[in-house]
């Protein structure tokens, strides 16, 4: 689809384009529709909580600041500029339409419950003033209302969802070619924008220093990350994706979370490297499958909005979680005494990101070793991840806790030592993030408490002082977790037939 400019016959007045989590210009179907229907577009970003979580989101706030700054520059290069406001979207958009005489407002459609409420409120408020509102799906491959199984219900298992998605929406349609210029309205007083700094998205504490070294937020950064991945890593993705010390993953998740790149753009990039669809390798298919998991998360939140704050499987409302502030803080700060867990939590704090294999491990440790409610973990991730996304966060934590759709059985309990030995065999990942034990040999680095005292002393390690002892014994924690599961299932600890899956 090519967007050549405003349709002078289709619309005689200005339109507002409301940017949300679609902070890009290229291949933006909602923005394209706005341009086609208008004689000039006023781009607007409204700062408000559309997640419905009302929790801190410090890391993603940092990303949002950088992304809005990048978007503003991109718009200026195209002859436009970004208007920033904050408050209720219905109130702000009503005010803006009055100020500039806009006859229509366009935006991307979102799946979060609070965001959908905002869309309904905006439509009602604008209609009362004779202004049309249109929200267009812009960040997914498949609209959740169309993605239904053979019984006409929402998918709750990934594999049939994946098969249906492949049949229905792959390959994605041709890209939208956006105009070189985004024309402003003629004879319209341009609305006043508040400074980006007024949103107070950046921290003054310096905790985000490493972020600037790690990331390039914005549309250009997203393209660069995709190109690097396609050129250097995708062919080795199945073999390397589970090893956190390897550069085997794309790190595109924050760009996707903020809509700086779309799933369709990524998939087209994968196809194009081999001359176009449907030619793909097993490695490419494995990566596209991961994009489909993100799609699955969004569909689940659309169809089951209550899962943002409560389990999909209602029996888990009765799970006997055991709140423990000291253990929670040890987990948050990377001081559990299990190096693979601690390395992941320290990587998260320093960079705003964590490798997916390690995310599964640290999440399992919190809900199964420590018996701390998954919502505590989801809250911490929401605050510390630059790619914090309500749908993905909810799916991931409910998957780990065994209480969501297509979830891992609760009785599958990761052994943090074995996980480290398997996915970080030489300890490279641990050495990077836990320097106080970096001089330990690989045989001991995943379980320092097993090292002879002479080895610890030679390495300058004093357990309990320079690095903690494990805050919980793995075998005892496993048994306690199974006993807790029995409270809601009425079963015994799992049975001998499950022993092979308990100690992963």
Protein backbone atom coordinates (compact mmCIF):
# COMPACT_ATOMS: atom_id res chain seq x y z
CA UNK A 1 0.00 0.00 0.00
CA UNK A 2 1.35 3.43 -0.90
CA UNK A 3 0.29 6.60 0.89
CA UNK A 4 1.00 9.47 -1.48
CA UNK A 5 -0.48 12.29 0.53
CA UNK A 6 -3.75 13.77 1.75
CA UNK A 7 -6.95 12.87 -0.06
CA UNK A 8 -8.40 16.28 -0.81
CA UNK A 9 -11.72 14.75 -1.81
CA UNK A 10 -11.96 12.40 1.19
CA UNK A 11 -11.52 14.96 3.95
CA UNK A 12 -11.68 18.74 4.05
CA UNK A 13 -10.37 19.38 7.55
CA UNK A 14 -7.45 18.50 9.75
CA UNK A 15 -7.07 15.21 11.57
CA UNK A 16 -5.26 14.35 14.77
CA UNK A 17 -3.13 11.26 14.92
CA UNK A 18 -2.85 9.97 18.50
CA UNK A 19 0.40 8.05 18.95
CA UNK A 20 0.25 5.36 21.61
CA UNK A 21 2.51 2.28 21.67
CA UNK A 22 3.15 2.65 17.94
CA UNK A 23 6.04 5.08 18.02
CA UNK A 24 7.09 4.75 14.40
CA UNK A 25 6.24 6.27 11.05
CA UNK A 26 7.10 3.45 8.67
CA UNK A 27 4.53 0.74 8.00
CA UNK A 28 2.08 2.39 10.39
CA UNK A 29 -1.34 1.46 9.01
CA UNK A 30 -3.28 3.69 11.40
CA UNK A 31 -1.15 6.74 10.59
CA UNK A 32 -1.44 5.92 6.89
CA UNK A 33 -5.24 5.87 7.13
CA UNK A 34 -5.18 9.22 8.91
CA UNK A 35 -3.01 10.78 6.20
CA UNK A 36 -5.20 9.46 3.40
CA UNK A 37 -8.39 10.80 4.97
CA UNK A 38 -7.09 14.26 5.85
CA UNK A 39 -5.91 17.57 4.52
CA UNK A 40 -3.22 17.73 7.16
CA UNK A 41 -2.24 15.75 10.24
CA UNK A 42 -1.42 16.88 13.76
CA UNK A 43 0.61 14.16 15.55
CA UNK A 44 -0.10 13.94 19.28
CA UNK A 45 1.23 11.88 22.16
CA UNK A 46 -0.79 11.86 25.41
CA UNK A 47 1.03 10.68 28.51
CA UNK A 48 -1.29 8.61 30.67
CA UNK A 49 -1.50 5.14 32.17
CA UNK A 50 -2.98 2.81 29.57
CA UNK A 51 -1.55 -0.34 31.13
CA UNK A 52 -4.13 -0.57 33.91
CA UNK A 53 -1.38 -1.61 36.31
CA UNK A 54 -0.82 1.71 38.12
CA UNK A 55 2.62 0.51 39.17
CA UNK A 56 6.11 1.93 38.71
CA UNK A 57 7.65 1.45 35.29
CA UNK A 58 11.00 3.19 35.67
CA UNK A 59 12.97 1.31 33.02
CA UNK A 60 10.31 1.57 30.34
CA UNK A 61 9.84 5.24 31.22
CA UNK A 62 13.50 5.74 30.29
CA UNK A 63 12.86 4.02 26.97
CA UNK A 64 9.69 6.04 26.38
CA UNK A 65 11.60 9.31 26.82
CA UNK A 66 14.23 8.28 24.28
CA UNK A 67 11.64 6.90 21.86
CA UNK A 68 9.49 10.03 21.95
CA UNK A 69 12.59 12.13 21.36
CA UNK A 70 13.47 9.98 18.35
CA UNK A 71 9.90 10.10 16.99
CA UNK A 72 9.86 13.87 17.34
CA UNK A 73 13.03 14.16 15.25
CA UNK A 74 11.62 11.80 12.59
CA UNK A 75 8.46 13.88 12.33
CA UNK A 76 10.43 17.08 12.00
CA UNK A 77 12.41 15.56 9.12
CA UNK A 78 9.05 15.02 7.40
CA UNK A 79 7.84 18.56 7.92
CA UNK A 80 5.74 17.90 11.00
CA UNK A 81 6.21 17.93 14.74
CA UNK A 82 4.95 16.06 17.79
CA UNK A 83 2.52 17.63 20.23
CA UNK A 84 2.92 16.26 23.76
CA UNK A 85 0.18 16.53 26.36
CA UNK A 86 -0.74 14.57 29.48
CA UNK A 87 -4.03 13.67 31.12
CA UNK A 88 -7.20 11.81 30.23
CA UNK A 89 -7.12 11.00 26.49
CA UNK A 90 -10.82 11.83 26.11
CA UNK A 91 -10.35 15.25 27.73
CA UNK A 92 -7.09 16.06 25.96
CA UNK A 93 -8.30 15.05 22.51
CA UNK A 94 -11.53 16.98 22.97
CA UNK A 95 -9.54 20.07 23.89
CA UNK A 96 -7.18 19.63 20.95
CA UNK A 97 -10.04 19.23 18.47
CA UNK A 98 -11.52 22.47 19.76
CA UNK A 99 -8.16 24.25 19.52
CA UNK A 100 -7.34 23.22 15.95
CA UNK A 101 -10.75 22.42 14.48
CA UNK A 102 -9.92 18.78 13.74
CA UNK A 103 -12.80 16.77 12.33
CA UNK A 104 -11.36 13.32 13.03
CA UNK A 105 -8.95 11.48 15.31
CA UNK A 106 -7.08 8.29 14.46
CA UNK A 107 -5.04 5.96 16.64
CA UNK A 108 -3.72 2.45 16.92
CA UNK A 109 -5.95 -0.08 18.62
CA UNK A 110 -4.60 -1.69 21.79
CA UNK A 111 -5.42 -4.86 23.71
CA UNK A 112 -4.97 -3.81 27.34
CA UNK A 113 -8.24 -3.45 29.27
CA UNK A 114 -7.52 0.11 30.42
CA UNK A 115 -6.50 1.14 26.90
CA UNK A 116 -9.71 -0.27 25.47
CA UNK A 117 -11.70 1.72 28.03
CA UNK A 118 -9.83 4.83 26.90
CA UNK A 119 -10.77 4.11 23.29
CA UNK A 120 -14.45 3.81 24.20
CA UNK A 121 -14.33 7.01 26.26
CA UNK A 122 -12.59 8.90 23.46
CA UNK A 123 -15.13 7.76 20.89
CA UNK A 124 -18.07 8.88 23.05
CA UNK A 125 -16.50 12.22 23.98
CA UNK A 126 -15.58 13.08 20.39
CA UNK A 127 -18.89 11.92 18.94
CA UNK A 128 -20.68 14.36 21.25
CA UNK A 129 -18.79 17.12 19.44
CA UNK A 130 -19.26 15.77 15.95
CA UNK A 131 -15.71 14.41 15.66
CA UNK A 132 -15.12 10.90 14.33
CA UNK A 133 -12.71 8.51 15.99
CA UNK A 134 -11.13 5.45 14.41
CA UNK A 135 -8.78 2.96 16.07
CA UNK A 136 -6.96 0.59 13.71
CA UNK A 137 -5.04 -2.55 14.61
CA UNK A 138 -1.42 -1.70 14.06
CA UNK A 139 0.87 -3.83 16.21
CA UNK A 140 -0.39 -7.36 15.68
CA UNK A 141 -0.59 -9.73 12.76
CA UNK A 142 -4.09 -10.97 13.55
CA UNK A 143 -6.99 -9.17 15.22
CA UNK A 144 -7.94 -11.00 18.44
CA UNK A 145 -11.64 -10.88 17.57
CA UNK A 146 -10.88 -12.90 14.43
CA UNK A 147 -8.49 -15.37 16.02
CA UNK A 148 -10.86 -18.08 17.17
CA UNK A 149 -10.63 -21.86 17.23
CA UNK A 150 -12.98 -24.25 15.43
CA UNK A 151 -15.49 -23.92 18.27
CA UNK A 152 -15.57 -20.15 17.85
CA UNK A 153 -13.74 -19.53 21.12
CA UNK A 154 -10.42 -17.99 22.04
CA UNK A 155 -7.35 -20.18 21.77
CA UNK A 156 -5.86 -21.20 25.12
CA UNK A 157 -3.17 -23.52 23.77
CA UNK A 158 -0.30 -22.13 21.74
CA UNK A 159 0.33 -24.87 19.18
CA UNK A 160 -3.11 -24.76 17.48
CA UNK A 161 -2.95 -20.96 17.67
CA UNK A 162 0.41 -21.03 15.89
CA UNK A 163 -0.84 -23.37 13.19
CA UNK A 164 -3.92 -21.22 12.59
CA UNK A 165 -1.86 -18.05 12.49
CA UNK A 166 0.42 -19.54 9.85
CA UNK A 167 -2.54 -20.50 7.69
CA UNK A 168 -4.38 -17.22 8.12
CA UNK A 169 -2.01 -14.25 8.21
CA UNK A 170 1.38 -15.40 6.96
CA UNK A 171 3.00 -14.08 4.92
CA UNK A 172 1.99 -10.56 6.01
CA UNK A 173 0.68 -8.09 3.41
CA UNK A 174 2.96 -5.78 1.48
CA UNK A 175 4.41 -2.88 3.47
CA UNK A 176 2.80 0.52 3.55
CA UNK A 177 4.97 3.11 1.82
CA UNK A 178 4.68 6.31 3.80
CA UNK A 179 5.04 9.77 2.22
CA UNK A 180 8.28 11.68 2.47
CA UNK A 181 6.34 14.57 4.02
CA UNK A 182 3.54 14.54 6.59
CA UNK A 183 1.77 17.75 5.72
CA UNK A 184 0.49 19.94 8.53
CA UNK A 185 -3.00 21.41 8.23
CA UNK A 186 -3.32 24.68 6.35
CA UNK A 187 -4.59 27.78 8.18
CA UNK A 188 -4.69 25.99 11.55
CA UNK A 189 -3.16 27.31 14.73
CA UNK A 190 -0.69 24.64 15.78
CA UNK A 191 -1.46 23.42 19.31
CA UNK A 192 0.98 24.10 22.12
CA UNK A 193 3.10 21.17 23.27
CA UNK A 194 4.51 20.69 26.73
CA UNK A 195 8.26 19.91 26.85
CA UNK A 196 9.15 16.23 26.91
CA UNK A 197 11.06 16.87 30.14
CA UNK A 198 7.78 17.78 31.84
CA UNK A 199 6.78 14.11 31.76
CA UNK A 200 9.55 13.36 34.30
CA UNK A 201 10.40 10.06 32.67
CA UNK A 202 14.11 10.11 33.50
CA UNK A 203 15.68 9.27 36.84
CA UNK A 204 18.10 11.57 38.64
CA UNK A 205 19.74 8.74 40.59
CA UNK A 206 22.02 7.49 37.80
CA UNK A 207 20.75 3.92 38.04
CA UNK A 208 20.04 3.95 34.29
CA UNK A 209 23.62 4.80 33.26
CA UNK A 210 24.19 1.43 31.60
CA UNK A 211 21.01 1.80 29.54
CA UNK A 212 22.65 4.41 27.32
CA UNK A 213 25.44 1.96 26.48
CA UNK A 214 23.10 -0.95 25.81
CA UNK A 215 20.28 0.49 23.74
CA UNK A 216 19.32 2.74 20.84
CA UNK A 217 15.59 3.40 21.28
CA UNK A 218 13.58 4.60 18.32
CA UNK A 219 12.67 3.49 14.83
CA UNK A 220 16.23 3.72 13.49
CA UNK A 221 17.52 1.66 16.41
CA UNK A 222 14.89 -0.98 15.74
CA UNK A 223 15.93 -1.28 12.10
CA UNK A 224 19.59 -1.51 13.09
CA UNK A 225 18.87 -4.25 15.63
CA UNK A 226 16.88 -6.26 13.09
CA UNK A 227 19.60 -5.93 10.46
CA UNK A 228 22.30 -7.05 12.91
CA UNK A 229 20.26 -10.08 13.89
CA UNK A 230 19.50 -11.09 10.32
CA UNK A 231 23.11 -10.67 9.25
CA UNK A 232 24.87 -12.37 12.15
CA UNK A 233 22.61 -14.48 14.37
CA UNK A 234 19.37 -15.79 12.94
CA UNK A 235 20.94 -18.80 11.21
CA UNK A 236 22.20 -19.99 14.61
CA UNK A 237 19.11 -19.01 16.55
CA UNK A 238 17.84 -22.50 17.53
CA UNK A 239 21.27 -23.54 18.84
CA UNK A 240 22.20 -20.30 20.62
CA UNK A 241 18.94 -18.79 21.85
CA UNK A 242 19.06 -20.58 25.23
CA UNK A 243 22.62 -19.53 26.10
CA UNK A 244 22.64 -16.10 27.77
CA UNK A 245 26.36 -15.51 27.22
CA UNK A 246 25.94 -15.92 23.45
CA UNK A 247 24.68 -13.22 21.12
CA UNK A 248 21.99 -15.53 19.85
CA UNK A 249 18.80 -13.46 20.23
CA UNK A 250 17.55 -10.34 18.50
CA UNK A 251 16.94 -8.07 21.53
CA UNK A 252 14.05 -6.56 19.56
CA UNK A 253 11.56 -6.94 22.40
CA UNK A 254 11.66 -3.31 23.64
CA UNK A 255 11.36 -2.02 20.08
CA UNK A 256 8.29 -4.23 19.64
CA UNK A 257 6.87 -3.17 23.01
CA UNK A 258 6.94 0.48 21.97
CA UNK A 259 5.83 -0.14 18.41
CA UNK A 260 9.07 1.16 16.90
CA UNK A 261 8.92 -1.86 14.62
CA UNK A 262 6.01 -4.14 13.80
CA UNK A 263 5.89 -7.95 13.75
CA UNK A 264 5.08 -7.75 10.04
CA UNK A 265 8.22 -5.71 9.36
CA UNK A 266 10.36 -8.28 11.14
CA UNK A 267 8.81 -11.20 9.29
CA UNK A 268 9.15 -9.43 5.95
CA UNK A 269 12.82 -8.82 6.74
CA UNK A 270 13.28 -12.53 7.39
CA UNK A 271 11.55 -13.47 4.14
CA UNK A 272 13.40 -10.90 2.05
CA UNK A 273 16.84 -12.17 2.99
CA UNK A 274 16.03 -15.30 0.97
CA UNK A 275 14.15 -13.68 -1.88
CA UNK A 276 10.66 -13.53 -0.42
CA UNK A 277 8.04 -15.89 1.04
CA UNK A 278 7.42 -18.67 1.62
CA UNK A 279 11.10 -19.71 1.63
CA UNK A 280 12.30 -20.03 5.23
CA UNK A 281 14.80 -22.16 7.07
CA UNK A 282 14.10 -24.04 10.28
CA UNK A 283 16.02 -21.34 12.13
CA UNK A 284 13.86 -18.58 10.65
CA UNK A 285 10.69 -20.48 11.43
CA UNK A 286 11.86 -20.95 15.02
CA UNK A 287 12.23 -17.18 15.39
CA UNK A 288 8.89 -16.37 13.78
CA UNK A 289 7.34 -18.84 16.22
CA UNK A 290 8.62 -16.65 19.07
CA UNK A 291 6.91 -13.64 17.51
CA UNK A 292 3.77 -15.75 17.47
CA UNK A 293 4.12 -16.30 21.24
CA UNK A 294 4.02 -12.53 21.65
CA UNK A 295 0.92 -12.48 19.47
CA UNK A 296 -0.62 -15.24 21.61
CA UNK A 297 -0.04 -13.16 24.76
CA UNK A 298 -1.89 -10.19 23.27
CA UNK A 299 -4.80 -12.38 22.20
CA UNK A 300 -5.11 -13.88 25.67
CA UNK A 301 -5.22 -10.45 27.31
CA UNK A 302 -7.85 -9.29 24.83
CA UNK A 303 -10.11 -12.28 25.49
CA UNK A 304 -9.34 -12.67 29.22
CA UNK A 305 -8.72 -9.15 30.52
CA UNK A 306 -9.01 -10.23 34.16
CA UNK A 307 -5.71 -12.11 33.82
CA UNK A 308 -3.81 -8.85 34.15
CA UNK A 309 -4.29 -9.13 37.91
CA UNK A 310 -5.67 -12.62 38.57
CA UNK A 311 -4.98 -16.15 37.30
CA UNK A 312 -6.74 -17.57 34.28
CA UNK A 313 -7.09 -20.88 36.14
CA UNK A 314 -9.25 -19.77 39.04
CA UNK A 315 -8.25 -22.63 41.36
CA UNK A 316 -4.90 -20.85 41.77
CA UNK A 317 -6.68 -18.09 43.68
CA UNK A 318 -6.44 -20.53 46.59
CA UNK A 319 -2.73 -21.25 46.19
CA UNK A 320 -0.98 -20.88 49.60
CA UNK A 321 1.59 -18.26 48.70
CA UNK A 322 3.96 -17.38 51.53
CA UNK A 323 4.88 -13.67 51.52
CA UNK A 324 8.44 -13.09 52.68
CA UNK A 325 9.86 -9.59 52.32
CA UNK A 326 13.44 -10.61 53.04
CA UNK A 327 13.42 -13.35 50.41
CA UNK A 328 11.71 -11.06 47.89
CA UNK A 329 14.41 -8.41 48.36
CA UNK A 330 17.15 -11.04 48.03
CA UNK A 331 15.59 -12.12 44.74
CA UNK A 332 15.15 -8.56 43.48
CA UNK A 333 18.74 -7.59 44.23
CA UNK A 334 20.39 -10.77 42.97
CA UNK A 335 21.45 -12.12 46.36
CA UNK A 336 19.76 -15.52 46.57
CA UNK A 337 23.02 -17.47 46.68
CA UNK A 338 22.20 -19.22 43.41
CA UNK A 339 24.57 -17.67 40.85
CA UNK A 340 22.47 -18.22 37.71
CA UNK A 341 19.44 -16.61 39.37
CA UNK A 342 21.49 -13.75 40.77
CA UNK A 343 23.24 -13.07 37.46
CA UNK A 344 19.87 -12.70 35.76
CA UNK A 345 18.50 -10.31 38.35
CA UNK A 346 21.63 -8.18 38.24
CA UNK A 347 21.57 -8.09 34.44
CA UNK A 348 17.96 -6.90 34.70
CA UNK A 349 18.80 -4.09 37.11
CA UNK A 350 21.81 -2.91 35.13
CA UNK A 351 20.43 -3.12 31.59
CA UNK A 352 16.62 -3.21 31.85
CA UNK A 353 16.61 -6.56 30.08
CA UNK A 354 17.15 -10.22 30.80
CA UNK A 355 17.72 -13.20 28.54
CA UNK A 356 14.51 -15.22 28.11
CA UNK A 357 15.97 -18.51 29.33
CA UNK A 358 17.06 -16.77 32.52
CA UNK A 359 13.68 -15.04 32.85
CA UNK A 360 12.06 -18.46 33.08
CA UNK A 361 14.57 -19.57 35.71
CA UNK A 362 14.30 -16.52 37.97
CA UNK A 363 10.51 -16.56 37.70
CA UNK A 364 10.38 -20.24 38.61
CA UNK A 365 12.68 -19.61 41.56
CA UNK A 366 10.41 -16.89 42.95
CA UNK A 367 7.12 -18.77 42.67
CA UNK A 368 8.35 -22.30 43.39
CA UNK A 369 11.48 -22.09 45.53
CA UNK A 370 10.27 -19.09 47.53
CA UNK A 371 6.48 -19.55 47.18
CA UNK A 372 6.06 -15.84 46.55
CA UNK A 373 3.01 -14.76 44.55
CA UNK A 374 3.66 -14.42 40.81
CA UNK A 375 2.13 -10.93 40.92
CA UNK A 376 5.10 -9.73 42.98
CA UNK A 377 7.40 -10.89 40.22
CA UNK A 378 5.24 -9.37 37.51
CA UNK A 379 5.29 -6.06 39.39
CA UNK A 380 9.10 -6.09 39.65
CA UNK A 381 9.50 -6.91 35.97
CA UNK A 382 7.04 -4.16 35.07
CA UNK A 383 9.24 -1.66 36.91
CA UNK A 384 12.64 -2.87 35.73
CA UNK A 385 12.21 -4.11 32.14
CA UNK A 386 12.66 -1.75 29.21
CA UNK A 387 10.47 -4.15 27.24
CA UNK A 388 7.73 -4.22 29.89
CA UNK A 389 4.52 -5.21 28.15
CA UNK A 390 1.32 -6.06 30.06
CA UNK A 391 0.35 -8.96 27.80
CA UNK A 392 3.79 -10.59 27.62
CA UNK A 393 4.45 -10.04 31.30
CA UNK A 394 1.14 -11.62 32.25
CA UNK A 395 1.58 -14.62 29.97
CA UNK A 396 5.14 -15.22 31.14
CA UNK A 397 4.41 -15.12 34.84
CA UNK A 398 1.20 -17.14 34.64
CA UNK A 399 2.98 -19.67 32.43
CA UNK A 400 5.68 -20.09 35.09
CA UNK A 401 3.21 -20.22 37.97
CA UNK A 402 1.13 -22.84 36.18
CA UNK A 403 -2.02 -20.73 36.44
CA UNK A 404 -2.40 -19.41 32.89
CA UNK A 405 -3.10 -20.59 29.36
CA UNK A 406 -0.91 -23.41 28.04
CA UNK A 407 1.08 -23.07 31.25
CA UNK A 408 4.03 -25.12 32.38
CA UNK A 409 2.86 -27.63 35.00
CA UNK A 410 3.55 -26.29 38.46
CA UNK A 411 5.33 -29.52 39.37
CA UNK A 412 8.06 -28.75 36.81
CA UNK A 413 10.61 -27.09 39.04
CA UNK A 414 13.84 -25.76 37.59
CA UNK A 415 17.01 -26.70 39.45
CA UNK A 416 19.05 -23.47 39.31
CA UNK A 417 22.35 -25.32 39.49
CA UNK A 418 21.53 -27.71 36.66
CA UNK A 419 20.11 -24.88 34.58
CA UNK A 420 23.34 -22.94 35.00
CA UNK A 421 25.51 -25.91 34.16
CA UNK A 422 23.45 -26.61 31.06
CA UNK A 423 23.06 -23.12 29.63
CA UNK A 424 26.19 -21.39 30.97
CA UNK A 425 28.60 -24.32 31.13
CA UNK A 426 31.81 -22.32 31.44
CA UNK A 427 30.24 -19.67 33.69
CA UNK A 428 30.79 -16.75 31.30
CA UNK A 429 27.38 -15.22 32.01
CA UNK A 430 27.80 -15.56 35.76
CA UNK A 431 31.32 -14.10 35.70
CA UNK A 432 30.04 -11.02 33.87
CA UNK A 433 27.31 -10.21 36.37
CA UNK A 434 28.70 -11.57 39.64
CA UNK A 435 32.32 -10.42 39.70
CA UNK A 436 32.77 -11.41 43.35
CA UNK A 437 32.81 -15.09 42.36
CA UNK A 438 34.26 -14.70 38.85
CA UNK A 439 37.57 -16.37 39.73
CA UNK A 440 35.93 -19.68 40.64
CA UNK A 441 36.47 -22.59 38.28
CA UNK A 442 33.50 -23.71 36.18
CA UNK A 443 33.06 -26.79 38.34
CA UNK A 444 32.20 -24.61 41.35
CA UNK A 445 30.84 -21.39 39.90
CA UNK A 446 27.24 -22.65 39.77
CA UNK A 447 27.37 -23.86 43.39
CA UNK A 448 30.05 -21.97 45.32
CA UNK A 449 29.00 -23.61 48.60
CA UNK A 450 30.39 -26.90 47.26
CA UNK A 451 33.88 -25.49 46.77
CA UNK A 452 36.52 -26.45 49.37
CA UNK A 453 37.35 -23.70 51.83
CA UNK A 454 40.86 -23.52 50.43
CA UNK A 455 39.49 -22.79 46.95
CA UNK A 456 37.15 -20.10 48.28
CA UNK A 457 39.96 -18.50 50.26
CA UNK A 458 42.27 -18.49 47.25
CA UNK A 459 39.57 -16.71 45.26
CA UNK A 460 38.91 -14.16 48.00
CA UNK A 461 35.39 -15.45 48.56
CA UNK A 462 33.83 -15.57 52.01
CA UNK A 463 30.38 -17.08 51.78
CA UNK A 464 27.90 -15.18 53.88
CA UNK A 465 29.99 -12.03 53.53
CA UNK A 466 31.24 -11.42 49.98
CA UNK A 467 28.55 -13.65 48.44
CA UNK A 468 25.52 -15.18 50.18
CA UNK A 469 24.81 -18.77 51.02
CA UNK A 470 21.68 -20.09 49.24
CA UNK A 471 18.63 -18.62 50.94
CA UNK A 472 16.76 -21.90 50.50
CA UNK A 473 17.78 -25.51 49.90
CA UNK A 474 16.68 -26.69 46.46
CA UNK A 475 15.44 -30.13 47.52
CA UNK A 476 13.52 -28.77 50.49
CA UNK A 477 12.04 -26.00 48.35
CA UNK A 478 10.94 -28.48 45.72
CA UNK A 479 9.14 -30.64 48.25
CA UNK A 480 7.48 -27.62 49.84
CA UNK A 481 6.28 -26.44 46.42
CA UNK A 482 4.72 -29.81 45.66
CA UNK A 483 2.98 -29.87 49.01
CA UNK A 484 1.58 -26.41 48.30
CA UNK A 485 0.32 -27.58 44.93
CA UNK A 486 -1.52 -30.43 46.67
CA UNK A 487 -3.53 -27.84 48.60
CA UNK A 488 -5.37 -26.82 45.42
CA UNK A 489 -5.28 -30.12 43.52
CA UNK A 490 -6.06 -32.46 46.41
CA UNK A 491 -3.28 -34.74 45.17
CA UNK A 492 -0.14 -35.98 46.82
CA UNK A 493 3.30 -34.60 45.96
CA UNK A 494 3.07 -35.56 42.33
CA UNK A 495 3.67 -39.28 42.17
CA UNK A 496 6.66 -41.29 41.05
CA UNK A 497 5.69 -40.93 37.42
CA UNK A 498 6.47 -37.21 37.65
CA UNK A 499 9.91 -37.48 39.24
CA UNK A 500 11.65 -37.16 35.90
CA UNK A 501 10.19 -33.71 35.36
CA UNK A 502 10.73 -32.28 38.80
CA UNK A 503 14.42 -31.54 38.79
CA UNK A 504 15.08 -29.67 35.55
